[in-house]
Amino acid sequence: MIPALIVGALTAWFLGLRAGLIAAAIAFVAVVVAGIVPGMTITVYGLILGWCALLWFFGSKLTGKAAPTKASVASSVAGSAAGTVGRWVGKAKKMFSDDGR
């Protein structure tokens, strides 16, 4: 259900978290239904691709927010990973310290 995650993330980026969650849920249901109903798969994936393209190319004009770049996504992932590693290192130091606190 990767398409639902992509639709949700892109919609949340441009239109807000609530809209992103709603769009992800609709995309998820549509993909599941498309897997059951014969001949509907290409239509659903076409609509998902169209929605993502619409947001990617015109979302910044609608909201004034720029599209995410590789650098901004990479830096946010790296910052999150560094924060997580830092927390675990702090916990390990605390657990293995000599005073036993």
C-alpha atoms as a PDB file:
ATOM      1  CA  MET A   1       0.000   0.000   0.000  1.00  0.00           C
ATOM      2  CA  ILE A   2       2.881   2.289  -0.836  1.00  0.00           C
ATOM      3  CA  PRO A   3       0.688   4.479  -3.111  1.00  0.00           C
ATOM      4  CA  ALA A   4      -1.547   5.356  -0.151  1.00  0.00           C
ATOM      5  CA  LEU A   5       1.503   6.410   1.884  1.00  0.00           C
ATOM      6  CA  ILE A   6       2.836   8.528  -0.963  1.00  0.00           C
ATOM      7  CA  VAL A   7      -0.534  10.190  -1.555  1.00  0.00           C
ATOM      8  CA  GLY A   8      -0.940  10.838   2.170  1.00  0.00           C
ATOM      9  CA  ALA A   9       2.541  12.289   2.613  1.00  0.00           C
ATOM     10  CA  LEU A  10       2.334  14.535  -0.424  1.00  0.00           C
ATOM     11  CA  THR A  11      -1.148  15.744   0.452  1.00  0.00           C
ATOM     12  CA  ALA A  12      -0.140  16.366   4.055  1.00  0.00           C
ATOM     13  CA  TRP A  13       2.871  18.363   2.899  1.00  0.00           C
ATOM     14  CA  PHE A  14       0.809  20.745   0.804  1.00  0.00           C
ATOM     15  CA  LEU A  15      -2.687  20.684   2.318  1.00  0.00           C
ATOM     16  CA  GLY A  16      -2.198  19.718   5.958  1.00  0.00           C
ATOM     17  CA  LEU A  17      -2.177  16.606   8.101  1.00  0.00           C
ATOM     18  CA  ARG A  18      -5.932  16.066   8.229  1.00  0.00           C
ATOM     19  CA  ALA A  19      -6.269  16.252   4.453  1.00  0.00           C
ATOM     20  CA  GLY A  20      -3.267  13.945   4.103  1.00  0.00           C
ATOM     21  CA  LEU A  21      -4.805  11.325   6.372  1.00  0.00           C
ATOM     22  CA  ILE A  22      -8.109  11.497   4.518  1.00  0.00           C
ATOM     23  CA  ALA A  23      -6.389  11.226   1.127  1.00  0.00           C
ATOM     24  CA  ALA A  24      -4.274   8.289   2.327  1.00  0.00           C
ATOM     25  CA  ALA A  25      -7.362   6.464   3.620  1.00  0.00           C
ATOM     26  CA  ILE A  26      -9.227   7.040   0.349  1.00  0.00           C
ATOM     27  CA  ALA A  27      -6.220   5.869  -1.679  1.00  0.00           C
ATOM     28  CA  PHE A  28      -5.849   2.777   0.505  1.00  0.00           C
ATOM     29  CA  VAL A  29      -9.507   1.815   0.085  1.00  0.00           C
ATOM     30  CA  ALA A  30      -9.321   2.496  -3.645  1.00  0.00           C
ATOM     31  CA  VAL A  31      -6.251   0.264  -4.061  1.00  0.00           C
ATOM     32  CA  VAL A  32      -7.888  -2.541  -2.079  1.00  0.00           C
ATOM     33  CA  VAL A  33     -11.095  -2.276  -4.129  1.00  0.00           C
ATOM     34  CA  ALA A  34      -9.043  -2.166  -7.341  1.00  0.00           C
ATOM     35  CA  GLY A  35      -7.389  -5.421  -6.311  1.00  0.00           C
ATOM     36  CA  ILE A  36     -10.794  -7.061  -6.015  1.00  0.00           C
ATOM     37  CA  VAL A  37     -12.706  -5.549  -8.945  1.00  0.00           C
ATOM     38  CA  PRO A  38     -11.317  -6.658 -12.313  1.00  0.00           C
ATOM     39  CA  GLY A  39     -10.239  -3.916 -14.704  1.00  0.00           C
ATOM     40  CA  MET A  40     -10.199  -1.132 -12.139  1.00  0.00           C
ATOM     41  CA  THR A  41      -6.511  -1.233 -11.210  1.00  0.00           C
ATOM     42  CA  ILE A  42      -5.215   0.958 -14.028  1.00  0.00           C
ATOM     43  CA  THR A  43      -7.910   3.555 -13.367  1.00  0.00           C
ATOM     44  CA  VAL A  44      -7.104   3.802  -9.661  1.00  0.00           C
ATOM     45  CA  TYR A  45      -3.364   4.026 -10.240  1.00  0.00           C
ATOM     46  CA  GLY A  46      -3.967   6.632 -12.945  1.00  0.00           C
ATOM     47  CA  LEU A  47      -6.025   8.746 -10.544  1.00  0.00           C
ATOM     48  CA  ILE A  48      -3.381   8.389  -7.835  1.00  0.00           C
ATOM     49  CA  LEU A  49      -0.630   9.385 -10.255  1.00  0.00           C
ATOM     50  CA  GLY A  50      -2.699  12.323 -11.484  1.00  0.00           C
ATOM     51  CA  TRP A  51      -3.366  13.556  -7.928  1.00  0.00           C
ATOM     52  CA  CYS A  52       0.323  13.330  -7.032  1.00  0.00           C
ATOM     53  CA  ALA A  53       1.341  15.140 -10.218  1.00  0.00           C
ATOM     54  CA  LEU A  54      -1.269  17.826  -9.603  1.00  0.00           C
ATOM     55  CA  LEU A  55       0.010  18.427  -6.095  1.00  0.00           C
ATOM     56  CA  TRP A  56       3.671  18.297  -7.100  1.00  0.00           C
ATOM     57  CA  PHE A  57       3.368  20.804  -9.935  1.00  0.00           C
ATOM     58  CA  PHE A  58       0.596  23.081  -8.677  1.00  0.00           C
ATOM     59  CA  GLY A  59       0.648  22.584  -4.896  1.00  0.00           C
ATOM     60  CA  SER A  60       3.124  25.394  -4.324  1.00  0.00           C
ATOM     61  CA  LYS A  61       0.893  27.785  -6.270  1.00  0.00           C
ATOM     62  CA  LEU A  62      -2.130  26.731  -4.232  1.00  0.00           C
ATOM     63  CA  THR A  63      -0.515  26.984  -0.797  1.00  0.00           C
ATOM     64  CA  GLY A  64       2.654  29.013  -1.241  1.00  0.00           C
ATOM     65  CA  LYS A  65       4.710  26.121   0.161  1.00  0.00           C
ATOM     66  CA  ALA A  66       7.600  24.826  -1.929  1.00  0.00           C
ATOM     67  CA  ALA A  67       7.829  21.187  -2.969  1.00  0.00           C
ATOM     68  CA  PRO A  68      10.152  19.083  -0.826  1.00  0.00           C
ATOM     69  CA  THR A  69      13.615  18.734  -2.300  1.00  0.00           C
ATOM     70  CA  LYS A  70      16.024  15.857  -1.881  1.00  0.00           C
ATOM     71  CA  ALA A  71      18.180  17.996   0.379  1.00  0.00           C
ATOM     72  CA  SER A  72      15.330  18.982   2.712  1.00  0.00           C
ATOM     73  CA  VAL A  73      14.011  15.420   2.955  1.00  0.00           C
ATOM     74  CA  ALA A  74      17.497  14.020   3.501  1.00  0.00           C
ATOM     75  CA  SER A  75      18.339  16.585   6.169  1.00  0.00           C
ATOM     76  CA  SER A  76      15.116  15.948   8.079  1.00  0.00           C
ATOM     77  CA  VAL A  77      15.681  12.185   7.968  1.00  0.00           C
ATOM     78  CA  ALA A  78      19.301  12.623   9.032  1.00  0.00           C
ATOM     79  CA  GLY A  79      18.304  14.936  11.883  1.00  0.00           C
ATOM     80  CA  SER A  80      15.689  12.489  13.078  1.00  0.00           C
ATOM     81  CA  ALA A  81      18.143   9.601  12.914  1.00  0.00           C
ATOM     82  CA  ALA A  82      20.808  11.585  14.766  1.00  0.00           C
ATOM     83  CA  GLY A  83      18.326  12.463  17.496  1.00  0.00           C
ATOM     84  CA  THR A  84      17.293   8.831  17.888  1.00  0.00           C
ATOM     85  CA  VAL A  85      20.893   7.624  18.004  1.00  0.00           C
ATOM     86  CA  GLY A  86      21.707  10.321  20.543  1.00  0.00           C
ATOM     87  CA  ARG A  87      18.860   9.219  22.814  1.00  0.00           C
ATOM     88  CA  TRP A  88      19.933   5.578  22.652  1.00  0.00           C
ATOM     89  CA  VAL A  89      23.572   6.478  23.339  1.00  0.00           C
ATOM     90  CA  GLY A  90      22.446   8.499  26.353  1.00  0.00           C
ATOM     91  CA  LYS A  91      20.406   5.562  27.641  1.00  0.00           C
ATOM     92  CA  ALA A  92      23.327   3.188  27.128  1.00  0.00           C
ATOM     93  CA  LYS A  93      25.716   5.522  28.959  1.00  0.00           C
ATOM     94  CA  LYS A  94      23.243   5.833  31.796  1.00  0.00           C
ATOM     95  CA  MET A  95      22.788   2.058  32.013  1.00  0.00           C
ATOM     96  CA  PHE A  96      26.498   1.270  31.962  1.00  0.00           C
ATOM     97  CA  SER A  97      27.675   4.126  34.175  1.00  0.00           C
ATOM     98  CA  ASP A  98      29.623   3.251  37.337  1.00  0.00           C
ATOM     99  CA  ASP A  99      27.337   4.980  39.809  1.00  0.00           C
ATOM    100  CA  GLY A 100      24.328   2.825  38.798  1.00  0.00           C
ATOM    101  CA  ARG A 101      21.695   5.585  38.605  1.00  0.00           C
END
